[in-house]
Amino acid sequence: MIKLGSVLSDFDDDCSSQISDSRSISKSARNWMAYEILLHHKHLLHDQVDRLIREKHKQEKSIV
């Protein structure tokens, strides 16, 4: 997840530093879409890890 965060940071830096001409607008739109997809997957991973941690704690409580 740390690697995904650094990739997202790189995407954000690239998108903010592009010059606005017709070619970079198209590239910027593609970068924005890729950024949004990666961000969505980052949130899904965080949610899944949170659920697994809660389940682990629930199982530990039931064993004790």
N, C-alpha and C. Protein backbone atom coordinates (compact mmCIF):
# COMPACT_ATOMS: atom_id res chain seq x y z
N MET A 1 0.82 -1.18 0.00
CA MET A 1 0.00 0.00 0.00
C MET A 1 0.87 1.26 0.00
N ILE A 2 2.06 1.15 0.57
CA ILE A 2 2.98 2.29 0.55
C ILE A 2 3.40 2.58 -0.89
N LYS A 3 3.68 1.53 -1.66
CA LYS A 3 4.07 1.70 -3.06
C LYS A 3 2.93 2.34 -3.85
N LEU A 4 1.72 1.92 -3.60
CA LEU A 4 0.57 2.50 -4.29
C LEU A 4 0.44 3.99 -3.93
N GLY A 5 0.69 4.33 -2.70
CA GLY A 5 0.66 5.73 -2.29
C GLY A 5 1.71 6.57 -3.00
N SER A 6 2.91 6.00 -3.18
CA SER A 6 3.95 6.76 -3.88
C SER A 6 3.64 6.90 -5.37
N VAL A 7 3.01 5.89 -5.96
CA VAL A 7 2.59 5.98 -7.36
C VAL A 7 1.54 7.07 -7.51
N LEU A 8 0.59 7.11 -6.60
CA LEU A 8 -0.44 8.15 -6.64
C LEU A 8 0.16 9.53 -6.47
N SER A 9 1.14 9.65 -5.61
CA SER A 9 1.81 10.93 -5.42
C SER A 9 2.52 11.36 -6.69
N ASP A 10 3.17 10.41 -7.36
CA ASP A 10 3.84 10.72 -8.63
C ASP A 10 2.83 11.16 -9.68
N PHE A 11 1.69 10.48 -9.76
CA PHE A 11 0.64 10.86 -10.70
C PHE A 11 0.17 12.28 -10.42
N ASP A 12 -0.04 12.58 -9.15
CA ASP A 12 -0.52 13.91 -8.76
C ASP A 12 0.49 14.98 -9.16
N ASP A 13 1.78 14.70 -8.92
CA ASP A 13 2.82 15.65 -9.29
C ASP A 13 2.87 15.85 -10.80
N ASP A 14 2.76 14.76 -11.57
CA ASP A 14 2.79 14.84 -13.03
C ASP A 14 1.61 15.65 -13.56
N CYS A 15 0.44 15.40 -13.02
CA CYS A 15 -0.76 16.10 -13.49
C CYS A 15 -0.68 17.59 -13.22
N SER A 16 -0.12 17.97 -12.09
CA SER A 16 -0.08 19.39 -11.74
C SER A 16 1.02 20.14 -12.48
N SER A 17 2.01 19.42 -13.02
CA SER A 17 3.13 20.10 -13.67
C SER A 17 3.02 20.15 -15.19
N GLN A 18 1.94 19.62 -15.77
CA GLN A 18 1.81 19.59 -17.22
C GLN A 18 1.39 20.95 -17.75
N ILE A 19 1.91 21.26 -18.96
CA ILE A 19 1.54 22.50 -19.65
C ILE A 19 0.21 22.27 -20.35
N SER A 20 -0.66 23.28 -20.38
CA SER A 20 -1.97 23.06 -20.98
C SER A 20 -1.96 23.43 -22.46
N ASP A 21 -1.74 22.44 -23.30
CA ASP A 21 -1.98 22.55 -24.73
C ASP A 21 -2.86 21.37 -25.11
N SER A 22 -3.23 21.26 -26.37
CA SER A 22 -4.21 20.24 -26.75
C SER A 22 -3.71 18.83 -26.48
N ARG A 23 -2.41 18.55 -26.68
CA ARG A 23 -1.89 17.20 -26.43
C ARG A 23 -1.80 16.91 -24.95
N SER A 24 -1.36 17.88 -24.16
CA SER A 24 -1.21 17.61 -22.73
C SER A 24 -2.57 17.54 -22.03
N ILE A 25 -3.58 18.20 -22.59
CA ILE A 25 -4.93 18.09 -22.01
C ILE A 25 -5.42 16.65 -22.14
N SER A 26 -5.21 16.06 -23.31
CA SER A 26 -5.61 14.67 -23.52
C SER A 26 -4.83 13.74 -22.59
N LYS A 27 -3.52 13.98 -22.50
CA LYS A 27 -2.69 13.17 -21.61
C LYS A 27 -3.09 13.40 -20.16
N SER A 28 -3.40 14.65 -19.83
CA SER A 28 -3.82 14.98 -18.47
C SER A 28 -5.12 14.26 -18.11
N ALA A 29 -6.05 14.19 -19.07
CA ALA A 29 -7.32 13.49 -18.83
C ALA A 29 -7.07 12.01 -18.59
N ARG A 30 -6.18 11.41 -19.38
CA ARG A 30 -5.86 9.99 -19.19
C ARG A 30 -5.19 9.78 -17.85
N ASN A 31 -4.25 10.68 -17.49
CA ASN A 31 -3.59 10.56 -16.20
C ASN A 31 -4.59 10.71 -15.06
N TRP A 32 -5.53 11.63 -15.21
CA TRP A 32 -6.54 11.82 -14.17
C TRP A 32 -7.39 10.57 -14.01
N MET A 33 -7.77 9.95 -15.13
CA MET A 33 -8.58 8.73 -15.05
C MET A 33 -7.79 7.61 -14.38
N ALA A 34 -6.53 7.45 -14.75
CA ALA A 34 -5.69 6.42 -14.13
C ALA A 34 -5.52 6.71 -12.64
N TYR A 35 -5.33 7.98 -12.30
CA TYR A 35 -5.19 8.38 -10.90
C TYR A 35 -6.44 8.02 -10.11
N GLU A 36 -7.61 8.33 -10.66
CA GLU A 36 -8.87 8.03 -9.98
C GLU A 36 -9.07 6.53 -9.80
N ILE A 37 -8.71 5.74 -10.80
CA ILE A 37 -8.83 4.28 -10.70
C ILE A 37 -7.91 3.75 -9.61
N LEU A 38 -6.65 4.21 -9.60
CA LEU A 38 -5.72 3.77 -8.57
C LEU A 38 -6.16 4.21 -7.18
N LEU A 39 -6.68 5.42 -7.08
CA LEU A 39 -7.17 5.90 -5.79
C LEU A 39 -8.34 5.06 -5.30
N HIS A 40 -9.22 4.68 -6.21
CA HIS A 40 -10.35 3.82 -5.85
C HIS A 40 -9.86 2.48 -5.32
N HIS A 41 -8.88 1.90 -5.99
CA HIS A 41 -8.34 0.61 -5.55
C HIS A 41 -7.60 0.75 -4.22
N LYS A 42 -6.96 1.89 -4.00
CA LYS A 42 -6.31 2.12 -2.72
C LYS A 42 -7.33 2.12 -1.59
N HIS A 43 -8.46 2.78 -1.82
CA HIS A 43 -9.52 2.80 -0.81
C HIS A 43 -10.10 1.41 -0.59
N LEU A 44 -10.27 0.65 -1.65
CA LEU A 44 -10.77 -0.72 -1.51
C LEU A 44 -9.81 -1.57 -0.68
N LEU A 45 -8.51 -1.43 -0.94
CA LEU A 45 -7.51 -2.19 -0.17
C LEU A 45 -7.53 -1.80 1.30
N HIS A 46 -7.62 -0.51 1.57
CA HIS A 46 -7.68 -0.05 2.96
C HIS A 46 -8.91 -0.61 3.66
N ASP A 47 -10.05 -0.59 2.99
CA ASP A 47 -11.27 -1.14 3.58
C ASP A 47 -11.14 -2.63 3.85
N GLN A 48 -10.55 -3.35 2.91
CA GLN A 48 -10.40 -4.79 3.08
C GLN A 48 -9.46 -5.10 4.25
N VAL A 49 -8.36 -4.37 4.36
CA VAL A 49 -7.43 -4.57 5.47
C VAL A 49 -8.11 -4.25 6.79
N ASP A 50 -8.88 -3.17 6.84
CA ASP A 50 -9.62 -2.83 8.06
C ASP A 50 -10.57 -3.94 8.47
N ARG A 51 -11.30 -4.49 7.48
CA ARG A 51 -12.23 -5.58 7.80
C ARG A 51 -11.50 -6.81 8.31
N LEU A 52 -10.36 -7.13 7.71
CA LEU A 52 -9.58 -8.28 8.16
C LEU A 52 -9.05 -8.07 9.57
N ILE A 53 -8.61 -6.88 9.89
CA ILE A 53 -8.12 -6.59 11.24
C ILE A 53 -9.25 -6.70 12.25
N ARG A 54 -10.43 -6.17 11.91
CA ARG A 54 -11.58 -6.29 12.82
C ARG A 54 -11.95 -7.76 13.03
N GLU A 55 -11.93 -8.54 11.96
CA GLU A 55 -12.26 -9.96 12.06
C GLU A 55 -11.23 -10.69 12.93
N LYS A 56 -9.98 -10.33 12.77
CA LYS A 56 -8.92 -10.94 13.59
C LYS A 56 -9.16 -10.64 15.06
N HIS A 57 -9.46 -9.37 15.38
CA HIS A 57 -9.72 -9.01 16.78
C HIS A 57 -10.97 -9.73 17.31
N LYS A 58 -11.97 -9.88 16.48
CA LYS A 58 -13.18 -10.58 16.89
C LYS A 58 -12.87 -12.04 17.20
N GLN A 59 -12.05 -12.67 16.36
CA GLN A 59 -11.67 -14.06 16.58
C GLN A 59 -10.82 -14.21 17.83
N GLU A 60 -9.92 -13.26 18.06
CA GLU A 60 -9.07 -13.32 19.26
C GLU A 60 -9.91 -13.21 20.53
N LYS A 61 -10.95 -12.38 20.50
CA LYS A 61 -11.81 -12.22 21.67
C LYS A 61 -12.62 -13.48 21.93
N SER A 62 -13.05 -14.15 20.86
CA SER A 62 -13.86 -15.35 21.05
C SER A 62 -13.03 -16.54 21.54
N ILE A 63 -11.74 -16.53 21.27
CA ILE A 63 -10.86 -17.62 21.73
C ILE A 63 -10.56 -17.48 23.21
N VAL A 64 -10.41 -16.25 23.69
CA VAL A 64 -10.04 -16.00 25.08
C VAL A 64 -11.19 -16.16 25.99
